[in-house]
Amino acid sequence: MASLQSFAPVSHAKVRTLILGSMPGKRSLMDNQYYAHPRNAFWPLMATLLQFELGSYSRQLQSLLKADIALWDVLQACDRASSLDADIIESSIVPNDFTGFLDGHKNIVAIYFNGAKAEQMYKRHVLPNLSQQLIDRDISTLRLPSTSPAHASKSFEQKLDAWRVIIDWIIICLFGLRFV
C-alpha cells in the first residue's frame, strides 16, 4: 500500500474558477505533473476549450492561469494501492486546506469537480470543516465527467460538451453574458 502526497495548487490570487481532482494517479505522481497519463483527456479538453497547443506542461499551466482557472486536488494525502480512486483507503484520507485556500482566493465563484469521486470526497471531507463565512460565499459547484482513462463510458466529444460549461462560465464572468 502506497502512502501518497498530492501537489500544491496551481493558482494565482485572482483566479475565479477552481478545478478539483481527487488525487493524482501513479503516472502524475511519477512525472510530478497534474494529469500526466497520456490517455487522460484533461489537457486535450483544456487545450480545445481554451485554444492553446498541447506541449510544455508549464505552458499548459500558464494557459489555465491566464483564464483565471486554478487546479488542485481534494486530497493532500491518502493510501492507495493503484491509481484508481476506488482503491483509496477511506481511513487514510487527509484533505487539503480549503479554508486557507479559499480565504486566500476570494474571487473563486465556481468549483468544478473532475469526476464523481472528487465531488464525493469534497462533500464528505471538506464541506463539514468549512467556516460558515466560506459556506455563505455561495460558491457554485458542479461535477463534470471524469477525464481519467479509467472512465471510458463517455467519448472525448461527450466529455468536451460537458466541460464547455467552464468556458460558458468564463464568458459570463468576464462579460456578464447569459446563454439561452
C-alpha atoms as a PDB file:
ATOM      1  CA  MET A   1       0.000   0.000   0.000  1.00  0.00           C
ATOM      2  CA  ALA A   2       1.468   3.336  -1.033  1.00  0.00           C
ATOM      3  CA  SER A   3       1.134   6.463   1.077  1.00  0.00           C
ATOM      4  CA  LEU A   4       0.710   9.301  -1.417  1.00  0.00           C
ATOM      5  CA  GLN A   5       1.124  13.085  -1.239  1.00  0.00           C
ATOM      6  CA  SER A   6      -0.645  15.421  -3.658  1.00  0.00           C
ATOM      7  CA  PHE A   7       0.696  18.545  -5.346  1.00  0.00           C
ATOM      8  CA  ALA A   8       0.477  22.189  -4.399  1.00  0.00           C
ATOM      9  CA  PRO A   9      -2.327  24.117  -6.064  1.00  0.00           C
ATOM     10  CA  VAL A  10      -1.737  25.824  -9.382  1.00  0.00           C
ATOM     11  CA  SER A  11      -3.233  29.272  -8.865  1.00  0.00           C
ATOM     12  CA  HIS A  12      -2.777  32.988  -8.553  1.00  0.00           C
ATOM     13  CA  ALA A  13      -4.535  35.430  -6.243  1.00  0.00           C
ATOM     14  CA  LYS A  14      -7.271  36.401  -8.719  1.00  0.00           C
ATOM     15  CA  VAL A  15      -8.431  33.027 -10.043  1.00  0.00           C
ATOM     16  CA  ARG A  16     -12.206  32.785 -10.355  1.00  0.00           C
ATOM     17  CA  THR A  17     -12.587  29.084 -11.115  1.00  0.00           C
ATOM     18  CA  LEU A  18     -11.178  26.022  -9.367  1.00  0.00           C
ATOM     19  CA  ILE A  19     -10.983  22.584 -10.971  1.00  0.00           C
ATOM     20  CA  LEU A  20     -10.596  19.792  -8.425  1.00  0.00           C
ATOM     21  CA  GLY A  21      -9.445  16.250  -8.967  1.00  0.00           C
ATOM     22  CA  SER A  22      -9.343  13.636  -6.263  1.00  0.00           C
ATOM     23  CA  MET A  23      -5.686  12.540  -6.010  1.00  0.00           C
ATOM     24  CA  PRO A  24      -3.007  12.306  -8.721  1.00  0.00           C
ATOM     25  CA  GLY A  25      -2.521   8.885 -10.289  1.00  0.00           C
ATOM     26  CA  LYS A  26       0.754   6.980 -10.357  1.00  0.00           C
ATOM     27  CA  ARG A  27       1.921   8.484 -13.649  1.00  0.00           C
ATOM     28  CA  SER A  28       1.159  12.014 -12.489  1.00  0.00           C
ATOM     29  CA  LEU A  29       2.997  11.459  -9.218  1.00  0.00           C
ATOM     30  CA  MET A  30       5.949   9.939 -11.055  1.00  0.00           C
ATOM     31  CA  ASP A  31       6.128  12.865 -13.526  1.00  0.00           C
ATOM     32  CA  ASN A  32       5.213  15.478 -10.878  1.00  0.00           C
ATOM     33  CA  GLN A  33       2.503  16.837 -13.189  1.00  0.00           C
ATOM     34  CA  TYR A  34      -1.257  17.066 -12.953  1.00  0.00           C
ATOM     35  CA  TYR A  35      -2.995  14.692 -15.400  1.00  0.00           C
ATOM     36  CA  ALA A  36       0.226  13.234 -16.832  1.00  0.00           C
ATOM     37  CA  HIS A  37      -1.228   9.912 -18.022  1.00  0.00           C
ATOM     38  CA  PRO A  38      -1.122  10.072 -21.842  1.00  0.00           C
ATOM     39  CA  ARG A  39      -4.706   8.807 -22.134  1.00  0.00           C
ATOM     40  CA  ASN A  40      -6.151  11.256 -19.612  1.00  0.00           C
ATOM     41  CA  ALA A  41      -8.377  13.685 -21.508  1.00  0.00           C
ATOM     42  CA  PHE A  42      -7.851  16.671 -19.189  1.00  0.00           C
ATOM     43  CA  TRP A  43      -5.151  18.513 -21.149  1.00  0.00           C
ATOM     44  CA  PRO A  44      -6.652  17.806 -24.589  1.00  0.00           C
ATOM     45  CA  LEU A  45     -10.006  19.104 -23.273  1.00  0.00           C
ATOM     46  CA  MET A  46      -8.448  22.241 -21.816  1.00  0.00           C
ATOM     47  CA  ALA A  47      -6.399  22.842 -24.973  1.00  0.00           C
ATOM     48  CA  THR A  48      -9.565  22.620 -27.071  1.00  0.00           C
ATOM     49  CA  LEU A  49     -11.652  24.792 -24.764  1.00  0.00           C
ATOM     50  CA  LEU A  50      -9.015  27.452 -24.078  1.00  0.00           C
ATOM     51  CA  GLN A  51      -7.499  27.255 -27.561  1.00  0.00           C
ATOM     52  CA  PHE A  52      -3.885  26.527 -26.696  1.00  0.00           C
ATOM     53  CA  GLU A  53      -1.447  23.989 -28.098  1.00  0.00           C
ATOM     54  CA  LEU A  54      -0.526  20.906 -26.130  1.00  0.00           C
ATOM     55  CA  GLY A  55       3.150  20.661 -25.368  1.00  0.00           C
ATOM     56  CA  SER A  56       5.094  22.101 -22.493  1.00  0.00           C
ATOM     57  CA  TYR A  57       3.496  21.355 -19.118  1.00  0.00           C
ATOM     58  CA  SER A  58       4.452  24.801 -17.822  1.00  0.00           C
ATOM     59  CA  ARG A  59       2.783  26.477 -20.825  1.00  0.00           C
ATOM     60  CA  GLN A  60      -0.347  24.412 -20.289  1.00  0.00           C
ATOM     61  CA  LEU A  61      -0.456  25.540 -16.658  1.00  0.00           C
ATOM     62  CA  GLN A  62       0.056  29.151 -17.750  1.00  0.00           C
ATOM     63  CA  SER A  63      -2.870  28.809 -20.172  1.00  0.00           C
ATOM     64  CA  LEU A  64      -5.124  27.763 -17.285  1.00  0.00           C
ATOM     65  CA  LEU A  65      -3.918  30.627 -15.121  1.00  0.00           C
ATOM     66  CA  LYS A  66      -4.392  33.117 -17.954  1.00  0.00           C
ATOM     67  CA  ALA A  67      -8.057  32.031 -17.999  1.00  0.00           C
ATOM     68  CA  ASP A  68      -8.189  32.523 -14.193  1.00  0.00           C
ATOM     69  CA  ILE A  69      -8.560  28.784 -13.619  1.00  0.00           C
ATOM     70  CA  ALA A  70      -6.871  27.147 -10.625  1.00  0.00           C
ATOM     71  CA  LEU A  71      -6.080  23.442 -10.448  1.00  0.00           C
ATOM     72  CA  TRP A  72      -5.850  21.313  -7.311  1.00  0.00           C
ATOM     73  CA  ASP A  73      -6.953  18.060  -5.695  1.00  0.00           C
ATOM     74  CA  VAL A  74      -9.340  17.427  -2.837  1.00  0.00           C
ATOM     75  CA  LEU A  75      -6.845  15.207  -1.045  1.00  0.00           C
ATOM     76  CA  GLN A  76      -3.498  16.212   0.372  1.00  0.00           C
ATOM     77  CA  ALA A  77      -2.632  12.612   1.256  1.00  0.00           C
ATOM     78  CA  CYS A  78      -4.037   9.099   1.235  1.00  0.00           C
ATOM     79  CA  ASP A  79      -3.102   5.440   0.971  1.00  0.00           C
ATOM     80  CA  ARG A  80      -3.915   3.740  -2.303  1.00  0.00           C
ATOM     81  CA  ALA A  81      -2.620   0.572  -3.937  1.00  0.00           C
ATOM     82  CA  SER A  82      -3.268   1.620  -7.547  1.00  0.00           C
ATOM     83  CA  SER A  83      -4.190   4.754  -9.496  1.00  0.00           C
ATOM     84  CA  LEU A  84      -7.903   4.057  -9.114  1.00  0.00           C
ATOM     85  CA  ASP A  85      -9.964   6.326  -6.875  1.00  0.00           C
ATOM     86  CA  ALA A  86     -11.885   3.235  -5.802  1.00  0.00           C
ATOM     87  CA  ASP A  87      -8.697   1.943  -4.143  1.00  0.00           C
ATOM     88  CA  ILE A  88      -8.287   4.949  -1.818  1.00  0.00           C
ATOM     89  CA  ILE A  89      -8.356   3.787   1.803  1.00  0.00           C
ATOM     90  CA  GLU A  90     -11.031   5.955   3.407  1.00  0.00           C
ATOM     91  CA  SER A  91      -9.394   5.971   6.855  1.00  0.00           C
ATOM     92  CA  SER A  92      -6.151   7.357   5.365  1.00  0.00           C
ATOM     93  CA  ILE A  93      -7.692  10.445   3.748  1.00  0.00           C
ATOM     94  CA  VAL A  94      -6.214  13.832   4.611  1.00  0.00           C
ATOM     95  CA  PRO A  95      -7.987  16.656   2.760  1.00  0.00           C
ATOM     96  CA  ASN A  96      -6.190  19.748   1.542  1.00  0.00           C
ATOM     97  CA  ASP A  97      -6.574  23.022   3.476  1.00  0.00           C
ATOM     98  CA  PHE A  98      -9.538  24.526   1.680  1.00  0.00           C
ATOM     99  CA  THR A  99     -10.219  27.046   4.429  1.00  0.00           C
ATOM    100  CA  GLY A 100      -6.808  28.594   3.895  1.00  0.00           C
ATOM    101  CA  PHE A 101      -7.025  28.301   0.124  1.00  0.00           C
ATOM    102  CA  LEU A 102     -10.480  29.840  -0.210  1.00  0.00           C
ATOM    103  CA  ASP A 103      -9.633  32.577   2.307  1.00  0.00           C
ATOM    104  CA  GLY A 104      -6.659  33.470   0.113  1.00  0.00           C
ATOM    105  CA  HIS A 105      -8.629  33.243  -3.140  1.00  0.00           C
ATOM    106  CA  LYS A 106     -11.686  35.387  -2.554  1.00  0.00           C
ATOM    107  CA  ASN A 107     -12.524  35.676  -6.262  1.00  0.00           C
ATOM    108  CA  ILE A 108     -13.348  31.989  -6.635  1.00  0.00           C
ATOM    109  CA  VAL A 109     -17.005  31.718  -7.549  1.00  0.00           C
ATOM    110  CA  ALA A 110     -17.107  28.256  -9.127  1.00  0.00           C
ATOM    111  CA  ILE A 111     -15.641  24.846  -8.331  1.00  0.00           C
ATOM    112  CA  TYR A 112     -15.752  22.098 -10.942  1.00  0.00           C
ATOM    113  CA  PHE A 113     -15.100  18.504  -9.908  1.00  0.00           C
ATOM    114  CA  ASN A 114     -13.226  16.236 -12.291  1.00  0.00           C
ATOM    115  CA  GLY A 115     -15.409  13.199 -11.659  1.00  0.00           C
ATOM    116  CA  ALA A 116     -17.724  11.821  -9.006  1.00  0.00           C
ATOM    117  CA  LYS A 117     -15.021  10.785  -6.524  1.00  0.00           C
ATOM    118  CA  ALA A 118     -13.618  14.320  -6.272  1.00  0.00           C
ATOM    119  CA  GLU A 119     -17.105  15.674  -5.590  1.00  0.00           C
ATOM    120  CA  GLN A 120     -17.883  12.928  -3.084  1.00  0.00           C
ATOM    121  CA  MET A 121     -14.649  13.459  -1.145  1.00  0.00           C
ATOM    122  CA  TYR A 122     -15.134  17.239  -1.139  1.00  0.00           C
ATOM    123  CA  LYS A 123     -18.632  16.887   0.286  1.00  0.00           C
ATOM    124  CA  ARG A 124     -17.536  14.305   2.851  1.00  0.00           C
ATOM    125  CA  HIS A 125     -14.142  15.641   3.958  1.00  0.00           C
ATOM    126  CA  VAL A 126     -14.075  19.360   3.127  1.00  0.00           C
ATOM    127  CA  LEU A 127     -17.563  20.902   3.385  1.00  0.00           C
ATOM    128  CA  PRO A 128     -18.150  19.849   7.017  1.00  0.00           C
ATOM    129  CA  ASN A 129     -14.959  21.678   8.029  1.00  0.00           C
ATOM    130  CA  LEU A 130     -15.536  24.954   6.180  1.00  0.00           C
ATOM    131  CA  SER A 131     -16.467  28.014   8.203  1.00  0.00           C
ATOM    132  CA  GLN A 132     -19.936  29.468   7.911  1.00  0.00           C
ATOM    133  CA  GLN A 133     -18.343  32.519   6.302  1.00  0.00           C
ATOM    134  CA  LEU A 134     -16.936  30.379   3.473  1.00  0.00           C
ATOM    135  CA  ILE A 135     -20.181  28.474   3.082  1.00  0.00           C
ATOM    136  CA  ASP A 136     -22.053  31.805   2.870  1.00  0.00           C
ATOM    137  CA  ARG A 137     -19.902  32.826  -0.119  1.00  0.00           C
ATOM    138  CA  ASP A 138     -22.203  30.534  -2.066  1.00  0.00           C
ATOM    139  CA  ILE A 139     -19.557  29.187  -4.440  1.00  0.00           C
ATOM    140  CA  SER A 140     -21.204  27.290  -7.297  1.00  0.00           C
ATOM    141  CA  THR A 141     -20.155  23.656  -7.657  1.00  0.00           C
ATOM    142  CA  LEU A 142     -20.641  21.210 -10.499  1.00  0.00           C
ATOM    143  CA  ARG A 143     -19.435  17.676 -11.144  1.00  0.00           C
ATOM    144  CA  LEU A 144     -18.110  17.061 -14.640  1.00  0.00           C
ATOM    145  CA  PRO A 145     -17.356  13.691 -16.229  1.00  0.00           C
ATOM    146  CA  SER A 146     -14.003  12.313 -15.178  1.00  0.00           C
ATOM    147  CA  THR A 147     -11.186  12.800 -17.661  1.00  0.00           C
ATOM    148  CA  SER A 148      -9.475   9.633 -16.419  1.00  0.00           C
ATOM    149  CA  PRO A 149      -8.814   6.849 -18.924  1.00  0.00           C
ATOM    150  CA  ALA A 150     -10.483   4.531 -16.394  1.00  0.00           C
ATOM    151  CA  HIS A 151     -13.789   6.276 -17.172  1.00  0.00           C
ATOM    152  CA  ALA A 152     -14.252   5.422 -20.816  1.00  0.00           C
ATOM    153  CA  SER A 153     -18.048   5.319 -20.818  1.00  0.00           C
ATOM    154  CA  LYS A 154     -18.129   8.757 -22.477  1.00  0.00           C
ATOM    155  CA  SER A 155     -16.341   9.697 -25.670  1.00  0.00           C
ATOM    156  CA  PHE A 156     -13.972  12.655 -25.854  1.00  0.00           C
ATOM    157  CA  GLU A 157     -16.681  14.620 -27.665  1.00  0.00           C
ATOM    158  CA  GLN A 158     -19.228  13.886 -24.935  1.00  0.00           C
ATOM    159  CA  LYS A 159     -16.758  14.964 -22.260  1.00  0.00           C
ATOM    160  CA  LEU A 160     -15.932  18.092 -24.271  1.00  0.00           C
ATOM    161  CA  ASP A 161     -19.601  19.022 -24.483  1.00  0.00           C
ATOM    162  CA  ALA A 162     -19.957  18.678 -20.702  1.00  0.00           C
ATOM    163  CA  TRP A 163     -16.738  20.561 -19.940  1.00  0.00           C
ATOM    164  CA  ARG A 164     -17.794  23.510 -22.164  1.00  0.00           C
ATOM    165  CA  VAL A 165     -19.635  24.851 -19.130  1.00  0.00           C
ATOM    166  CA  ILE A 166     -16.277  26.163 -17.908  1.00  0.00           C
ATOM    167  CA  ILE A 167     -15.900  28.363 -20.976  1.00  0.00           C
ATOM    168  CA  ASP A 168     -19.511  29.482 -20.682  1.00  0.00           C
ATOM    169  CA  TRP A 169     -18.793  30.437 -17.068  1.00  0.00           C
ATOM    170  CA  ILE A 170     -15.653  32.391 -18.013  1.00  0.00           C
ATOM    171  CA  ILE A 171     -17.653  34.361 -20.598  1.00  0.00           C
ATOM    172  CA  ILE A 172     -20.398  35.067 -18.066  1.00  0.00           C
ATOM    173  CA  CYS A 173     -17.823  36.263 -15.527  1.00  0.00           C
ATOM    174  CA  LEU A 174     -15.967  38.453 -17.995  1.00  0.00           C
ATOM    175  CA  PHE A 175     -18.853  39.924 -19.923  1.00  0.00           C
ATOM    176  CA  GLY A 176     -21.946  39.293 -17.847  1.00  0.00           C
ATOM    177  CA  LEU A 177     -23.450  37.375 -20.761  1.00  0.00           C
ATOM    178  CA  ARG A 178     -26.007  34.616 -20.375  1.00  0.00           C
ATOM    179  CA  PHE A 179     -26.633  31.849 -22.880  1.00  0.00           C
ATOM    180  CA  VAL A 180     -30.195  30.977 -23.792  1.00  0.00           C
END
